[in-house]
Amino acid sequence: MSDTFPPRPLARDDVAKLVAAVAGSDFAEQILAHIRQAAEIANFGTFYVADMGNPEPVLSIWAGEMSGYWFNRNASTILSHDLLMDSILHRIRAAKGDGLVIERWRPTPADPISAIYARDQVIERVTVSSYSGRIGFQSFFVRGAASGWITDQEMQRLQAALPLVHELIGLRHRIVGATAQGATRAGRASALRARDAGPFGRLTPREAEVCDLAVQGLSVGGTALELGVSENTVRTLRRRAYEKLEVSSATQIATLILNVMG
């Protein structure tokens, strides 16, 4: 009796499709499409922190109706506001260990993020935060005003779907790093240095590379491994680049890139 079976096609289910897309260029769009089966979500994104001991959140993945330019502009505004950035880090720290923290939130008129949400016609947000080892990140899903408040039924479906989505975003980070989803080579310090654009023209090629990796969320150690140099060399290159650009963090570099490109 034969122990072999004739080959036959087997369709992937939605979860299998998401897992298969983790390393692909359309991962963010597939995540958003999956989430929209649970509830209408206008945009989603992720704040990634490579080292919670020295936290510098970066916007790493996003998709939705808002353009990448404005999504990055909003993220830069949020991360440059101490109260708003502390709020992100507080929620991530609350998830330290093996758990996830899921929160449904609506801004009040006094909240410093209200002006951004009002301009972009956003009325509600659901976040998922996690913190394991030294790495923390928060995925956030925002609801447009045209869709109305999230219903209880939609929230139940989101609570069922978001843990898997959040873990797949984390897997994406581990596989391909925190490179900004949808970012083009033109939006890199290296490309701006080559064009002699703004203060980036003052950087050496190696200093620009270090800036690119810092914006992607790599730590000093991770950058050293990526470039094949010592950590002391990375620190020196960062210091020189930051002095030339007149910045003090990777977040400020990302903002400067947007300003120069804009």
C-alpha atoms as a PDB file:
ATOM      1  CA  MET A   1       0.000   0.000   0.000  1.00  0.00           C
ATOM      2  CA  SER A   2       1.446   3.365  -0.990  1.00  0.00           C
ATOM      3  CA  ASP A   3       2.185   5.903   1.754  1.00  0.00           C
ATOM      4  CA  THR A   4       2.354   8.847  -0.640  1.00  0.00           C
ATOM      5  CA  PHE A   5      -0.445  11.224  -1.490  1.00  0.00           C
ATOM      6  CA  PRO A   6      -1.074  12.963  -4.819  1.00  0.00           C
ATOM      7  CA  PRO A   7      -0.269  16.689  -4.744  1.00  0.00           C
ATOM      8  CA  ARG A   8      -3.254  18.982  -4.541  1.00  0.00           C
ATOM      9  CA  PRO A   9      -3.606  22.739  -4.131  1.00  0.00           C
ATOM     10  CA  LEU A  10      -4.388  24.016  -0.661  1.00  0.00           C
ATOM     11  CA  ALA A  11      -5.649  27.564  -0.292  1.00  0.00           C
ATOM     12  CA  ARG A  12      -4.059  29.744   2.354  1.00  0.00           C
ATOM     13  CA  ASP A  13      -6.362  31.113   5.013  1.00  0.00           C
ATOM     14  CA  ASP A  14      -6.153  34.739   6.121  1.00  0.00           C
ATOM     15  CA  VAL A  15      -3.660  34.030   8.905  1.00  0.00           C
ATOM     16  CA  ALA A  16      -1.374  32.042   6.609  1.00  0.00           C
ATOM     17  CA  LYS A  17      -1.455  34.902   4.086  1.00  0.00           C
ATOM     18  CA  LEU A  18      -0.436  37.394   6.770  1.00  0.00           C
ATOM     19  CA  VAL A  19       2.442  35.217   7.950  1.00  0.00           C
ATOM     20  CA  ALA A  20       3.628  34.763   4.357  1.00  0.00           C
ATOM     21  CA  ALA A  21       3.567  38.561   3.874  1.00  0.00           C
ATOM     22  CA  VAL A  22       5.705  39.399   6.938  1.00  0.00           C
ATOM     23  CA  ALA A  23       8.914  39.991   4.978  1.00  0.00           C
ATOM     24  CA  GLY A  24       7.193  41.449   1.912  1.00  0.00           C
ATOM     25  CA  SER A  25       6.970  45.054   0.763  1.00  0.00           C
ATOM     26  CA  ASP A  26       3.161  45.091   1.091  1.00  0.00           C
ATOM     27  CA  PHE A  27       3.064  43.792   4.673  1.00  0.00           C
ATOM     28  CA  ALA A  28       1.554  46.973   6.144  1.00  0.00           C
ATOM     29  CA  GLU A  29      -1.206  47.086   3.541  1.00  0.00           C
ATOM     30  CA  GLN A  30      -2.066  43.435   4.190  1.00  0.00           C
ATOM     31  CA  ILE A  31      -2.192  44.049   7.952  1.00  0.00           C
ATOM     32  CA  LEU A  32      -4.583  46.956   7.431  1.00  0.00           C
ATOM     33  CA  ALA A  33      -6.794  44.906   5.111  1.00  0.00           C
ATOM     34  CA  HIS A  34      -6.959  42.130   7.718  1.00  0.00           C
ATOM     35  CA  ILE A  35      -7.860  44.536  10.524  1.00  0.00           C
ATOM     36  CA  ARG A  36     -10.570  46.133   8.412  1.00  0.00           C
ATOM     37  CA  GLN A  37     -12.404  42.804   8.469  1.00  0.00           C
ATOM     38  CA  ALA A  38     -12.937  43.449  12.191  1.00  0.00           C
ATOM     39  CA  ALA A  39     -13.607  47.201  12.079  1.00  0.00           C
ATOM     40  CA  GLU A  40     -13.196  50.141   9.746  1.00  0.00           C
ATOM     41  CA  ILE A  41      -9.769  51.614  10.548  1.00  0.00           C
ATOM     42  CA  ALA A  42      -8.482  54.683   8.696  1.00  0.00           C
ATOM     43  CA  ASN A  43      -4.790  54.273   9.446  1.00  0.00           C
ATOM     44  CA  PHE A  44      -2.466  52.131  11.521  1.00  0.00           C
ATOM     45  CA  GLY A  45       1.158  52.511  12.522  1.00  0.00           C
ATOM     46  CA  THR A  46       3.832  51.315  14.922  1.00  0.00           C
ATOM     47  CA  PHE A  47       6.172  53.133  17.273  1.00  0.00           C
ATOM     48  CA  TYR A  48       9.261  50.960  17.756  1.00  0.00           C
ATOM     49  CA  VAL A  49      11.854  51.281  20.538  1.00  0.00           C
ATOM     50  CA  ALA A  50      15.060  49.316  19.951  1.00  0.00           C
ATOM     51  CA  ASP A  51      16.367  49.855  23.490  1.00  0.00           C
ATOM     52  CA  MET A  52      13.968  50.675  26.322  1.00  0.00           C
ATOM     53  CA  GLY A  53      16.976  51.449  28.515  1.00  0.00           C
ATOM     54  CA  ASN A  54      17.668  54.419  26.251  1.00  0.00           C
ATOM     55  CA  PRO A  55      14.290  54.927  24.569  1.00  0.00           C
ATOM     56  CA  GLU A  56      14.132  56.742  21.252  1.00  0.00           C
ATOM     57  CA  PRO A  57      10.840  55.697  19.574  1.00  0.00           C
ATOM     58  CA  VAL A  58      10.663  55.739  15.795  1.00  0.00           C
ATOM     59  CA  LEU A  59       7.709  55.311  13.460  1.00  0.00           C
ATOM     60  CA  SER A  60       8.537  52.021  11.754  1.00  0.00           C
ATOM     61  CA  ILE A  61       5.459  50.700   9.901  1.00  0.00           C
ATOM     62  CA  TRP A  62       2.298  52.406   8.696  1.00  0.00           C
ATOM     63  CA  ALA A  63      -0.488  52.201   6.128  1.00  0.00           C
ATOM     64  CA  GLY A  64      -3.830  53.800   5.446  1.00  0.00           C
ATOM     65  CA  GLU A  65      -5.602  56.738   3.904  1.00  0.00           C
ATOM     66  CA  MET A  66      -3.112  59.350   5.090  1.00  0.00           C
ATOM     67  CA  SER A  67      -0.025  59.957   2.944  1.00  0.00           C
ATOM     68  CA  GLY A  68       3.331  58.747   4.210  1.00  0.00           C
ATOM     69  CA  TYR A  69       4.545  62.349   4.327  1.00  0.00           C
ATOM     70  CA  TRP A  70       1.804  63.466   6.730  1.00  0.00           C
ATOM     71  CA  PHE A  71       1.960  60.271   8.746  1.00  0.00           C
ATOM     72  CA  ASN A  72       5.656  60.950   9.343  1.00  0.00           C
ATOM     73  CA  ARG A  73       5.030  64.628  10.066  1.00  0.00           C
ATOM     74  CA  ASN A  74       2.446  63.720  12.698  1.00  0.00           C
ATOM     75  CA  ALA A  75       4.749  61.116  14.232  1.00  0.00           C
ATOM     76  CA  SER A  76       7.599  63.614  14.408  1.00  0.00           C
ATOM     77  CA  THR A  77       5.314  66.132  16.133  1.00  0.00           C
ATOM     78  CA  ILE A  78       4.169  63.512  18.643  1.00  0.00           C
ATOM     79  CA  LEU A  79       7.693  62.268  19.388  1.00  0.00           C
ATOM     80  CA  SER A  80       9.005  65.820  19.849  1.00  0.00           C
ATOM     81  CA  HIS A  81       6.334  66.499  22.512  1.00  0.00           C
ATOM     82  CA  ASP A  82       7.577  65.204  25.877  1.00  0.00           C
ATOM     83  CA  LEU A  83       4.110  64.499  27.284  1.00  0.00           C
ATOM     84  CA  LEU A  84       2.968  62.560  24.214  1.00  0.00           C
ATOM     85  CA  MET A  85       6.185  60.545  23.938  1.00  0.00           C
ATOM     86  CA  ASP A  86       6.080  59.758  27.670  1.00  0.00           C
ATOM     87  CA  SER A  87       2.529  58.487  27.192  1.00  0.00           C
ATOM     88  CA  ILE A  88       3.739  56.028  24.531  1.00  0.00           C
ATOM     89  CA  LEU A  89       6.612  54.831  26.716  1.00  0.00           C
ATOM     90  CA  HIS A  90       4.353  54.544  29.784  1.00  0.00           C
ATOM     91  CA  ARG A  91       2.011  52.163  27.956  1.00  0.00           C
ATOM     92  CA  ILE A  92       4.912  50.108  26.631  1.00  0.00           C
ATOM     93  CA  ARG A  93       6.439  49.808  30.111  1.00  0.00           C
ATOM     94  CA  ALA A  94       3.075  48.684  31.475  1.00  0.00           C
ATOM     95  CA  ALA A  95       3.322  45.664  29.157  1.00  0.00           C
ATOM     96  CA  LYS A  96       6.759  44.521  30.405  1.00  0.00           C
ATOM     97  CA  GLY A  97       6.963  40.735  30.443  1.00  0.00           C
ATOM     98  CA  ASP A  98       4.966  38.374  28.270  1.00  0.00           C
ATOM     99  CA  GLY A  99       1.699  40.297  28.159  1.00  0.00           C
ATOM    100  CA  LEU A 100       0.076  42.845  25.885  1.00  0.00           C
ATOM    101  CA  VAL A 101      -1.665  46.052  26.909  1.00  0.00           C
ATOM    102  CA  ILE A 102      -4.676  46.929  24.736  1.00  0.00           C
ATOM    103  CA  GLU A 103      -6.303  50.318  25.165  1.00  0.00           C
ATOM    104  CA  ARG A 104      -9.219  52.100  23.533  1.00  0.00           C
ATOM    105  CA  TRP A 105      -8.865  55.854  23.786  1.00  0.00           C
ATOM    106  CA  ARG A 106     -10.573  59.076  22.720  1.00  0.00           C
ATOM    107  CA  PRO A 107      -8.828  62.460  23.004  1.00  0.00           C
ATOM    108  CA  THR A 108     -10.245  65.224  25.184  1.00  0.00           C
ATOM    109  CA  PRO A 109     -10.168  68.859  24.025  1.00  0.00           C
ATOM    110  CA  ALA A 110      -7.327  69.584  26.466  1.00  0.00           C
ATOM    111  CA  ASP A 111      -5.164  66.725  25.189  1.00  0.00           C
ATOM    112  CA  PRO A 112      -2.131  67.987  23.207  1.00  0.00           C
ATOM    113  CA  ILE A 113      -2.825  65.483  20.416  1.00  0.00           C
ATOM    114  CA  SER A 114      -6.369  66.798  19.865  1.00  0.00           C
ATOM    115  CA  ALA A 115      -5.298  69.379  17.281  1.00  0.00           C
ATOM    116  CA  ILE A 116      -3.638  66.710  15.127  1.00  0.00           C
ATOM    117  CA  TYR A 117      -6.633  64.384  15.410  1.00  0.00           C
ATOM    118  CA  ALA A 118      -9.102  67.157  14.608  1.00  0.00           C
ATOM    119  CA  ARG A 119      -7.138  68.239  11.527  1.00  0.00           C
ATOM    120  CA  ASP A 120      -6.975  64.652  10.240  1.00  0.00           C
ATOM    121  CA  GLN A 121     -10.612  63.888  11.225  1.00  0.00           C
ATOM    122  CA  VAL A 122      -9.618  61.107  13.622  1.00  0.00           C
ATOM    123  CA  ILE A 123     -11.916  60.469  16.587  1.00  0.00           C
ATOM    124  CA  GLU A 124     -10.685  57.301  18.266  1.00  0.00           C
ATOM    125  CA  ARG A 125      -7.611  55.100  18.686  1.00  0.00           C
ATOM    126  CA  VAL A 126      -6.890  51.548  19.808  1.00  0.00           C
ATOM    127  CA  THR A 127      -3.322  50.708  20.848  1.00  0.00           C
ATOM    128  CA  VAL A 128      -1.498  47.462  21.574  1.00  0.00           C
ATOM    129  CA  SER A 129       1.771  47.665  23.514  1.00  0.00           C
ATOM    130  CA  SER A 130       4.435  45.085  24.336  1.00  0.00           C
ATOM    131  CA  TYR A 131       7.845  45.073  26.028  1.00  0.00           C
ATOM    132  CA  SER A 132      10.132  42.040  25.966  1.00  0.00           C
ATOM    133  CA  GLY A 133      13.874  42.003  26.630  1.00  0.00           C
ATOM    134  CA  ARG A 134      15.125  45.466  25.698  1.00  0.00           C
ATOM    135  CA  ILE A 135      12.666  45.983  22.844  1.00  0.00           C
ATOM    136  CA  GLY A 136       9.284  47.675  23.123  1.00  0.00           C
ATOM    137  CA  PHE A 137       6.758  48.746  20.553  1.00  0.00           C
ATOM    138  CA  GLN A 138       3.235  50.027  20.258  1.00  0.00           C
ATOM    139  CA  SER A 139       0.912  49.449  17.309  1.00  0.00           C
ATOM    140  CA  PHE A 140      -1.940  51.931  16.980  1.00  0.00           C
ATOM    141  CA  PHE A 141      -5.132  51.847  14.934  1.00  0.00           C
ATOM    142  CA  VAL A 142      -7.094  55.059  14.383  1.00  0.00           C
ATOM    143  CA  ARG A 143     -10.739  55.532  13.471  1.00  0.00           C
ATOM    144  CA  GLY A 144     -11.869  58.240  11.067  1.00  0.00           C
ATOM    145  CA  ALA A 145     -14.711  60.570  11.990  1.00  0.00           C
ATOM    146  CA  ALA A 146     -16.733  59.457   8.949  1.00  0.00           C
ATOM    147  CA  SER A 147     -16.991  55.933  10.421  1.00  0.00           C
ATOM    148  CA  GLY A 148     -18.352  57.058  13.802  1.00  0.00           C
ATOM    149  CA  TRP A 149     -17.393  55.587  17.156  1.00  0.00           C
ATOM    150  CA  ILE A 150     -16.193  51.995  17.331  1.00  0.00           C
ATOM    151  CA  THR A 151     -19.135  49.817  18.360  1.00  0.00           C
ATOM    152  CA  ASP A 152     -18.944  47.231  21.141  1.00  0.00           C
ATOM    153  CA  GLN A 153     -19.196  44.451  18.554  1.00  0.00           C
ATOM    154  CA  GLU A 154     -16.349  45.927  16.528  1.00  0.00           C
ATOM    155  CA  MET A 155     -14.230  46.282  19.653  1.00  0.00           C
ATOM    156  CA  GLN A 156     -14.776  42.616  20.493  1.00  0.00           C
ATOM    157  CA  ARG A 157     -13.611  41.664  17.011  1.00  0.00           C
ATOM    158  CA  LEU A 158     -10.589  43.962  17.302  1.00  0.00           C
ATOM    159  CA  GLN A 159      -9.620  42.445  20.652  1.00  0.00           C
ATOM    160  CA  ALA A 160      -9.672  39.038  19.000  1.00  0.00           C
ATOM    161  CA  ALA A 161      -7.644  40.119  15.955  1.00  0.00           C
ATOM    162  CA  LEU A 162      -5.105  42.609  17.348  1.00  0.00           C
ATOM    163  CA  PRO A 163      -2.899  40.272  19.435  1.00  0.00           C
ATOM    164  CA  LEU A 164      -1.958  38.244  16.342  1.00  0.00           C
ATOM    165  CA  VAL A 165      -1.476  41.383  14.258  1.00  0.00           C
ATOM    166  CA  HIS A 166       0.764  42.927  16.924  1.00  0.00           C
ATOM    167  CA  GLU A 167       2.905  39.772  17.193  1.00  0.00           C
ATOM    168  CA  LEU A 168       3.328  39.650  13.411  1.00  0.00           C
ATOM    169  CA  ILE A 169       4.468  43.280  13.445  1.00  0.00           C
ATOM    170  CA  GLY A 170       7.028  42.274  16.072  1.00  0.00           C
ATOM    171  CA  LEU A 171       8.136  39.365  13.876  1.00  0.00           C
ATOM    172  CA  ARG A 172       8.528  41.805  10.995  1.00  0.00           C
ATOM    173  CA  HIS A 173      10.856  43.916  13.139  1.00  0.00           C
ATOM    174  CA  ARG A 174      12.966  40.901  14.060  1.00  0.00           C
ATOM    175  CA  ILE A 175      13.268  39.797  10.433  1.00  0.00           C
ATOM    176  CA  VAL A 176      13.852  43.043   8.568  1.00  0.00           C
ATOM    177  CA  GLY A 177      14.510  45.576  11.330  1.00  0.00           C
ATOM    178  CA  ALA A 178      12.593  48.769  11.899  1.00  0.00           C
ATOM    179  CA  THR A 179      13.058  50.261   8.451  1.00  0.00           C
ATOM    180  CA  ALA A 180      10.191  52.629   7.767  1.00  0.00           C
ATOM    181  CA  GLN A 181       7.553  50.891   5.666  1.00  0.00           C
ATOM    182  CA  GLY A 182       7.150  52.524   2.283  1.00  0.00           C
ATOM    183  CA  ALA A 183      10.198  54.761   2.747  1.00  0.00           C
ATOM    184  CA  THR A 184      12.068  55.501  -0.461  1.00  0.00           C
ATOM    185  CA  ARG A 185      15.797  55.806  -0.915  1.00  0.00           C
ATOM    186  CA  ALA A 186      15.246  59.518  -1.492  1.00  0.00           C
ATOM    187  CA  GLY A 187      14.126  59.805   2.123  1.00  0.00           C
ATOM    188  CA  ARG A 188      17.462  58.709   3.539  1.00  0.00           C
ATOM    189  CA  ALA A 189      20.361  60.701   4.923  1.00  0.00           C
ATOM    190  CA  SER A 190      22.690  58.941   2.457  1.00  0.00           C
ATOM    191  CA  ALA A 191      20.610  60.036  -0.527  1.00  0.00           C
ATOM    192  CA  LEU A 192      20.344  63.602   0.753  1.00  0.00           C
ATOM    193  CA  ARG A 193      24.122  63.716   1.341  1.00  0.00           C
ATOM    194  CA  ALA A 194      24.700  62.577  -2.251  1.00  0.00           C
ATOM    195  CA  ARG A 195      22.451  65.424  -3.449  1.00  0.00           C
ATOM    196  CA  ASP A 196      24.235  67.889  -1.158  1.00  0.00           C
ATOM    197  CA  ALA A 197      20.803  68.699   0.261  1.00  0.00           C
ATOM    198  CA  GLY A 198      20.754  71.005   3.274  1.00  0.00           C
ATOM    199  CA  PRO A 199      23.016  70.103   6.188  1.00  0.00           C
ATOM    200  CA  PHE A 200      23.235  66.487   4.981  1.00  0.00           C
ATOM    201  CA  GLY A 201      25.778  67.630   2.401  1.00  0.00           C
ATOM    202  CA  ARG A 202      28.265  68.119   5.244  1.00  0.00           C
ATOM    203  CA  LEU A 203      28.205  64.438   6.231  1.00  0.00           C
ATOM    204  CA  THR A 204      30.737  61.836   5.167  1.00  0.00           C
ATOM    205  CA  PRO A 205      29.295  58.695   3.523  1.00  0.00           C
ATOM    206  CA  ARG A 206      29.887  56.695   6.729  1.00  0.00           C
ATOM    207  CA  GLU A 207      28.262  59.344   8.927  1.00  0.00           C
ATOM    208  CA  ALA A 208      25.209  59.318   6.654  1.00  0.00           C
ATOM    209  CA  GLU A 209      25.017  55.506   6.880  1.00  0.00           C
ATOM    210  CA  VAL A 210      25.064  55.716  10.674  1.00  0.00           C
ATOM    211  CA  CYS A 211      22.240  58.277  10.541  1.00  0.00           C
ATOM    212  CA  ASP A 212      20.163  55.993   8.311  1.00  0.00           C
ATOM    213  CA  LEU A 213      20.578  53.085  10.727  1.00  0.00           C
ATOM    214  CA  ALA A 214      19.786  55.285  13.734  1.00  0.00           C
ATOM    215  CA  VAL A 215      16.528  56.412  12.106  1.00  0.00           C
ATOM    216  CA  GLN A 216      15.696  52.740  11.451  1.00  0.00           C
ATOM    217  CA  GLY A 217      15.912  52.131  15.196  1.00  0.00           C
ATOM    218  CA  LEU A 218      19.231  50.261  15.381  1.00  0.00           C
ATOM    219  CA  SER A 219      21.172  50.604  18.607  1.00  0.00           C
ATOM    220  CA  VAL A 220      24.879  51.409  18.716  1.00  0.00           C
ATOM    221  CA  GLY A 221      25.598  47.682  18.983  1.00  0.00           C
ATOM    222  CA  GLY A 222      23.266  46.823  16.116  1.00  0.00           C
ATOM    223  CA  THR A 223      24.815  49.511  13.923  1.00  0.00           C
ATOM    224  CA  ALA A 224      28.308  48.225  14.716  1.00  0.00           C
ATOM    225  CA  LEU A 225      27.293  44.719  13.614  1.00  0.00           C
ATOM    226  CA  GLU A 226      25.607  46.031  10.475  1.00  0.00           C
ATOM    227  CA  LEU A 227      28.640  48.087   9.397  1.00  0.00           C
ATOM    228  CA  GLY A 228      31.341  45.743  10.690  1.00  0.00           C
ATOM    229  CA  VAL A 229      32.984  48.351  12.919  1.00  0.00           C
ATOM    230  CA  SER A 230      33.448  48.815  16.667  1.00  0.00           C
ATOM    231  CA  GLU A 231      30.818  50.375  18.920  1.00  0.00           C
ATOM    232  CA  ASN A 232      33.261  53.178  19.756  1.00  0.00           C
ATOM    233  CA  THR A 233      33.531  53.956  16.041  1.00  0.00           C
ATOM    234  CA  VAL A 234      29.737  54.129  15.778  1.00  0.00           C
ATOM    235  CA  ARG A 235      29.563  56.483  18.774  1.00  0.00           C
ATOM    236  CA  THR A 236      32.180  58.736  17.192  1.00  0.00           C
ATOM    237  CA  LEU A 237      30.389  58.761  13.828  1.00  0.00           C
ATOM    238  CA  ARG A 238      27.060  59.517  15.511  1.00  0.00           C
ATOM    239  CA  ARG A 239      28.541  62.343  17.547  1.00  0.00           C
ATOM    240  CA  ARG A 240      30.121  63.940  14.477  1.00  0.00           C
ATOM    241  CA  ALA A 241      26.948  63.540  12.400  1.00  0.00           C
ATOM    242  CA  TYR A 242      24.720  64.935  15.140  1.00  0.00           C
ATOM    243  CA  GLU A 243      27.005  67.951  15.534  1.00  0.00           C
ATOM    244  CA  LYS A 244      26.962  68.656  11.798  1.00  0.00           C
ATOM    245  CA  LEU A 245      23.182  68.292  11.608  1.00  0.00           C
ATOM    246  CA  GLU A 246      22.666  70.169  14.906  1.00  0.00           C
ATOM    247  CA  VAL A 247      20.421  67.424  16.300  1.00  0.00           C
ATOM    248  CA  SER A 248      20.542  65.241  19.395  1.00  0.00           C
ATOM    249  CA  SER A 249      18.434  62.188  18.481  1.00  0.00           C
ATOM    250  CA  ALA A 250      17.378  59.888  15.661  1.00  0.00           C
ATOM    251  CA  THR A 251      13.859  61.332  15.881  1.00  0.00           C
ATOM    252  CA  GLN A 252      15.221  64.797  15.132  1.00  0.00           C
ATOM    253  CA  ILE A 253      17.136  63.387  12.146  1.00  0.00           C
ATOM    254  CA  ALA A 254      13.889  61.901  10.788  1.00  0.00           C
ATOM    255  CA  THR A 255      12.166  65.268  11.195  1.00  0.00           C
ATOM    256  CA  LEU A 256      15.070  67.038   9.478  1.00  0.00           C
ATOM    257  CA  ILE A 257      14.906  64.582   6.557  1.00  0.00           C
ATOM    258  CA  LEU A 258      11.209  65.375   6.099  1.00  0.00           C
ATOM    259  CA  ASN A 259      11.838  69.122   6.287  1.00  0.00           C
ATOM    260  CA  VAL A 260      14.646  68.979   3.722  1.00  0.00           C
ATOM    261  CA  MET A 261      12.574  66.789   1.386  1.00  0.00           C
ATOM    262  CA  GLY A 262       9.456  68.927   1.855  1.00  0.00           C
END
